[in-house]
Amino acid sequence: MVRTQIQLTEEQSRKLKSLASKKGMSVAELIRVGVDSLLRHESDIDMAERRRRAIAAAGCAHSDITDLAAQHDRYLAEAYES
């Protein structure tokens, strides 16, 4: 392992210590878990892949409603009322 030094706010430090105690973990272990989670989510899909997926999803749902773009607020309100 590589030793590193970070600076936390007082509140971050207090909350991390409390959470580590509740989970029966060291603060260092909790920070490593957090870093792993961040790295996993950030590296899963790059921006080009996100863009490709969004473009592929566009238009995949069909509806008989012809004025949905113009009347979306009304349709949304109606859906929440029911």
N, C-alpha and C. Protein backbone atom coordinates (compact mmCIF):
# COMPACT_ATOMS: atom_id res chain seq x y z
N MET A 1 0.84 -1.19 0.00
CA MET A 1 0.00 0.00 0.00
C MET A 1 0.88 1.24 0.00
N VAL A 2 0.30 2.29 -0.52
CA VAL A 2 0.99 3.57 -0.56
C VAL A 2 0.40 4.46 0.52
N ARG A 3 1.25 5.03 1.32
CA ARG A 3 0.79 5.95 2.36
C ARG A 3 0.57 7.31 1.73
N THR A 4 -0.55 7.91 2.05
CA THR A 4 -0.85 9.26 1.54
C THR A 4 -1.45 10.08 2.66
N GLN A 5 -1.41 11.37 2.49
CA GLN A 5 -1.94 12.27 3.51
C GLN A 5 -3.01 13.14 2.86
N ILE A 6 -4.15 13.25 3.52
CA ILE A 6 -5.23 14.10 3.01
C ILE A 6 -5.68 15.05 4.10
N GLN A 7 -6.36 16.08 3.72
CA GLN A 7 -6.93 17.01 4.67
C GLN A 7 -8.44 16.93 4.59
N LEU A 8 -9.06 16.79 5.74
CA LEU A 8 -10.52 16.72 5.84
C LEU A 8 -11.01 17.89 6.67
N THR A 9 -12.25 18.25 6.45
CA THR A 9 -12.86 19.23 7.34
C THR A 9 -13.11 18.54 8.68
N GLU A 10 -13.33 19.33 9.70
CA GLU A 10 -13.64 18.76 11.02
C GLU A 10 -14.88 17.88 10.94
N GLU A 11 -15.88 18.34 10.21
CA GLU A 11 -17.13 17.59 10.09
C GLU A 11 -16.91 16.27 9.35
N GLN A 12 -16.14 16.30 8.25
CA GLN A 12 -15.85 15.07 7.52
C GLN A 12 -15.14 14.07 8.42
N SER A 13 -14.16 14.54 9.16
CA SER A 13 -13.40 13.67 10.05
C SER A 13 -14.30 13.06 11.12
N ARG A 14 -15.14 13.89 11.71
CA ARG A 14 -16.04 13.41 12.76
C ARG A 14 -17.01 12.37 12.21
N LYS A 15 -17.59 12.64 11.05
CA LYS A 15 -18.55 11.70 10.46
C LYS A 15 -17.88 10.42 10.02
N LEU A 16 -16.68 10.51 9.46
CA LEU A 16 -15.96 9.30 9.06
C LEU A 16 -15.62 8.43 10.26
N LYS A 17 -15.16 9.04 11.33
CA LYS A 17 -14.83 8.29 12.54
C LYS A 17 -16.07 7.59 13.09
N SER A 18 -17.19 8.28 13.09
CA SER A 18 -18.44 7.71 13.58
C SER A 18 -18.89 6.54 12.70
N LEU A 19 -18.84 6.73 11.39
CA LEU A 19 -19.25 5.69 10.47
C LEU A 19 -18.32 4.47 10.56
N ALA A 20 -17.03 4.73 10.64
CA ALA A 20 -16.06 3.64 10.77
C ALA A 20 -16.32 2.84 12.03
N SER A 21 -16.64 3.52 13.11
CA SER A 21 -16.93 2.84 14.37
C SER A 21 -18.18 1.98 14.24
N LYS A 22 -19.22 2.52 13.63
CA LYS A 22 -20.46 1.77 13.44
C LYS A 22 -20.25 0.52 12.58
N LYS A 23 -19.37 0.64 11.57
CA LYS A 23 -19.15 -0.47 10.65
C LYS A 23 -18.04 -1.41 11.12
N GLY A 24 -17.36 -1.05 12.21
CA GLY A 24 -16.26 -1.87 12.69
C GLY A 24 -15.06 -1.84 11.76
N MET A 25 -14.83 -0.70 11.15
CA MET A 25 -13.74 -0.54 10.20
C MET A 25 -12.84 0.60 10.66
N SER A 26 -11.63 0.63 10.11
CA SER A 26 -10.77 1.79 10.36
C SER A 26 -11.20 2.91 9.40
N VAL A 27 -10.84 4.13 9.75
CA VAL A 27 -11.14 5.25 8.86
C VAL A 27 -10.41 5.05 7.53
N ALA A 28 -9.17 4.57 7.57
CA ALA A 28 -8.41 4.33 6.34
C ALA A 28 -9.12 3.33 5.44
N GLU A 29 -9.63 2.25 6.04
CA GLU A 29 -10.34 1.24 5.25
C GLU A 29 -11.60 1.83 4.64
N LEU A 30 -12.32 2.62 5.40
CA LEU A 30 -13.53 3.26 4.90
C LEU A 30 -13.21 4.19 3.74
N ILE A 31 -12.12 4.94 3.85
CA ILE A 31 -11.71 5.84 2.77
C ILE A 31 -11.33 5.03 1.53
N ARG A 32 -10.62 3.90 1.69
CA ARG A 32 -10.28 3.07 0.54
C ARG A 32 -11.53 2.54 -0.15
N VAL A 33 -12.53 2.13 0.63
CA VAL A 33 -13.79 1.66 0.05
C VAL A 33 -14.44 2.78 -0.76
N GLY A 34 -14.43 3.99 -0.21
CA GLY A 34 -15.01 5.13 -0.92
C GLY A 34 -14.27 5.45 -2.20
N VAL A 35 -12.95 5.39 -2.15
CA VAL A 35 -12.14 5.65 -3.35
C VAL A 35 -12.40 4.58 -4.40
N ASP A 36 -12.47 3.31 -3.97
CA ASP A 36 -12.77 2.23 -4.91
C ASP A 36 -14.12 2.45 -5.59
N SER A 37 -15.10 2.85 -4.81
CA SER A 37 -16.43 3.10 -5.37
C SER A 37 -16.40 4.23 -6.39
N LEU A 38 -15.73 5.31 -6.05
CA LEU A 38 -15.62 6.45 -6.96
C LEU A 38 -14.92 6.04 -8.26
N LEU A 39 -13.82 5.33 -8.14
CA LEU A 39 -13.08 4.91 -9.32
C LEU A 39 -13.87 3.94 -10.18
N ARG A 40 -14.60 3.05 -9.55
CA ARG A 40 -15.41 2.08 -10.28
C ARG A 40 -16.49 2.79 -11.08
N HIS A 41 -17.15 3.76 -10.47
CA HIS A 41 -18.23 4.45 -11.17
C HIS A 41 -17.72 5.43 -12.22
N GLU A 42 -16.60 6.03 -11.97
CA GLU A 42 -16.06 6.99 -12.93
C GLU A 42 -15.48 6.29 -14.15
N SER A 43 -14.91 5.13 -13.97
CA SER A 43 -14.25 4.47 -15.09
C SER A 43 -15.15 3.50 -15.84
N ASP A 44 -16.34 3.25 -15.32
CA ASP A 44 -17.23 2.30 -15.98
C ASP A 44 -17.57 2.72 -17.41
N ILE A 45 -18.01 3.93 -17.57
CA ILE A 45 -18.48 4.38 -18.88
C ILE A 45 -17.88 5.75 -19.16
N ASP A 46 -17.11 5.85 -20.23
CA ASP A 46 -16.56 7.15 -20.58
C ASP A 46 -17.62 8.00 -21.28
N MET A 47 -17.32 9.25 -21.47
CA MET A 47 -18.30 10.19 -22.02
C MET A 47 -18.75 9.79 -23.42
N ALA A 48 -17.85 9.30 -24.25
CA ALA A 48 -18.22 8.89 -25.61
C ALA A 48 -19.23 7.75 -25.57
N GLU A 49 -19.03 6.80 -24.65
CA GLU A 49 -19.97 5.68 -24.53
C GLU A 49 -21.31 6.17 -23.99
N ARG A 50 -21.29 7.08 -23.03
CA ARG A 50 -22.55 7.64 -22.51
C ARG A 50 -23.32 8.33 -23.63
N ARG A 51 -22.61 9.09 -24.44
CA ARG A 51 -23.25 9.80 -25.55
C ARG A 51 -23.83 8.80 -26.55
N ARG A 52 -23.07 7.75 -26.88
CA ARG A 52 -23.54 6.73 -27.82
C ARG A 52 -24.80 6.06 -27.29
N ARG A 53 -24.83 5.74 -26.00
CA ARG A 53 -26.00 5.09 -25.41
C ARG A 53 -27.21 6.02 -25.41
N ALA A 54 -26.99 7.29 -25.14
CA ALA A 54 -28.10 8.25 -25.13
C ALA A 54 -28.69 8.39 -26.53
N ILE A 55 -27.84 8.47 -27.53
CA ILE A 55 -28.32 8.60 -28.91
C ILE A 55 -29.07 7.33 -29.32
N ALA A 56 -28.56 6.17 -28.91
CA ALA A 56 -29.23 4.91 -29.24
C ALA A 56 -30.60 4.81 -28.58
N ALA A 57 -30.74 5.39 -27.39
CA ALA A 57 -32.01 5.31 -26.67
C ALA A 57 -33.04 6.31 -27.21
N ALA A 58 -32.58 7.36 -27.85
CA ALA A 58 -33.50 8.38 -28.36
C ALA A 58 -34.44 7.76 -29.37
N GLY A 59 -35.72 7.98 -29.17
CA GLY A 59 -36.73 7.51 -30.11
C GLY A 59 -37.12 6.06 -29.96
N CYS A 60 -36.62 5.38 -28.93
CA CYS A 60 -36.93 3.96 -28.79
C CYS A 60 -38.31 3.73 -28.18
N ALA A 61 -38.89 4.73 -27.57
CA ALA A 61 -40.24 4.60 -26.99
C ALA A 61 -41.23 5.29 -27.92
N HIS A 62 -42.37 4.66 -28.09
CA HIS A 62 -43.38 5.21 -29.00
C HIS A 62 -44.68 5.43 -28.24
N SER A 63 -45.41 6.43 -28.68
CA SER A 63 -46.67 6.78 -28.05
C SER A 63 -47.63 7.28 -29.12
N ASP A 64 -48.90 7.12 -28.85
CA ASP A 64 -49.91 7.66 -29.76
C ASP A 64 -50.17 9.14 -29.50
N ILE A 65 -49.52 9.68 -28.49
CA ILE A 65 -49.70 11.09 -28.15
C ILE A 65 -48.86 11.92 -29.11
N THR A 66 -49.52 12.79 -29.86
CA THR A 66 -48.81 13.56 -30.88
C THR A 66 -48.33 14.92 -30.39
N ASP A 67 -48.84 15.38 -29.24
CA ASP A 67 -48.44 16.70 -28.74
C ASP A 67 -47.67 16.60 -27.42
N LEU A 68 -47.02 15.49 -27.18
CA LEU A 68 -46.33 15.28 -25.91
C LEU A 68 -45.24 16.32 -25.66
N ALA A 69 -44.48 16.67 -26.67
CA ALA A 69 -43.40 17.65 -26.48
C ALA A 69 -43.96 19.01 -26.04
N ALA A 70 -45.07 19.40 -26.63
CA ALA A 70 -45.64 20.71 -26.31
C ALA A 70 -46.46 20.68 -25.01
N GLN A 71 -47.05 19.54 -24.69
CA GLN A 71 -47.97 19.45 -23.54
C GLN A 71 -47.44 18.56 -22.41
N HIS A 72 -46.13 18.39 -22.34
CA HIS A 72 -45.58 17.46 -21.35
C HIS A 72 -45.96 17.79 -19.92
N ASP A 73 -46.04 19.09 -19.57
CA ASP A 73 -46.41 19.46 -18.20
C ASP A 73 -47.83 19.00 -17.87
N ARG A 74 -48.74 19.17 -18.80
CA ARG A 74 -50.12 18.75 -18.57
C ARG A 74 -50.19 17.23 -18.39
N TYR A 75 -49.52 16.49 -19.25
CA TYR A 75 -49.54 15.03 -19.13
C TYR A 75 -48.89 14.55 -17.82
N LEU A 76 -47.84 15.23 -17.42
CA LEU A 76 -47.19 14.88 -16.17
C LEU A 76 -48.11 15.15 -14.98
N ALA A 77 -48.78 16.29 -14.99
CA ALA A 77 -49.73 16.62 -13.93
C ALA A 77 -50.85 15.60 -13.87
N GLU A 78 -51.37 15.22 -15.02
CA GLU A 78 -52.43 14.21 -15.07
C GLU A 78 -51.94 12.87 -14.51
N ALA A 79 -50.72 12.51 -14.81
CA ALA A 79 -50.20 11.23 -14.32
C ALA A 79 -50.05 11.24 -12.81
N TYR A 80 -49.66 12.38 -12.23
CA TYR A 80 -49.52 12.46 -10.78
C TYR A 80 -50.87 12.54 -10.07
N GLU A 81 -51.89 13.01 -10.75
CA GLU A 81 -53.21 13.08 -10.15
C GLU A 81 -53.86 11.71 -10.04
N SER A 82 -53.53 10.81 -10.93
CA SER A 82 -54.19 9.49 -10.91
C SER A 82 -53.53 8.52 -9.96
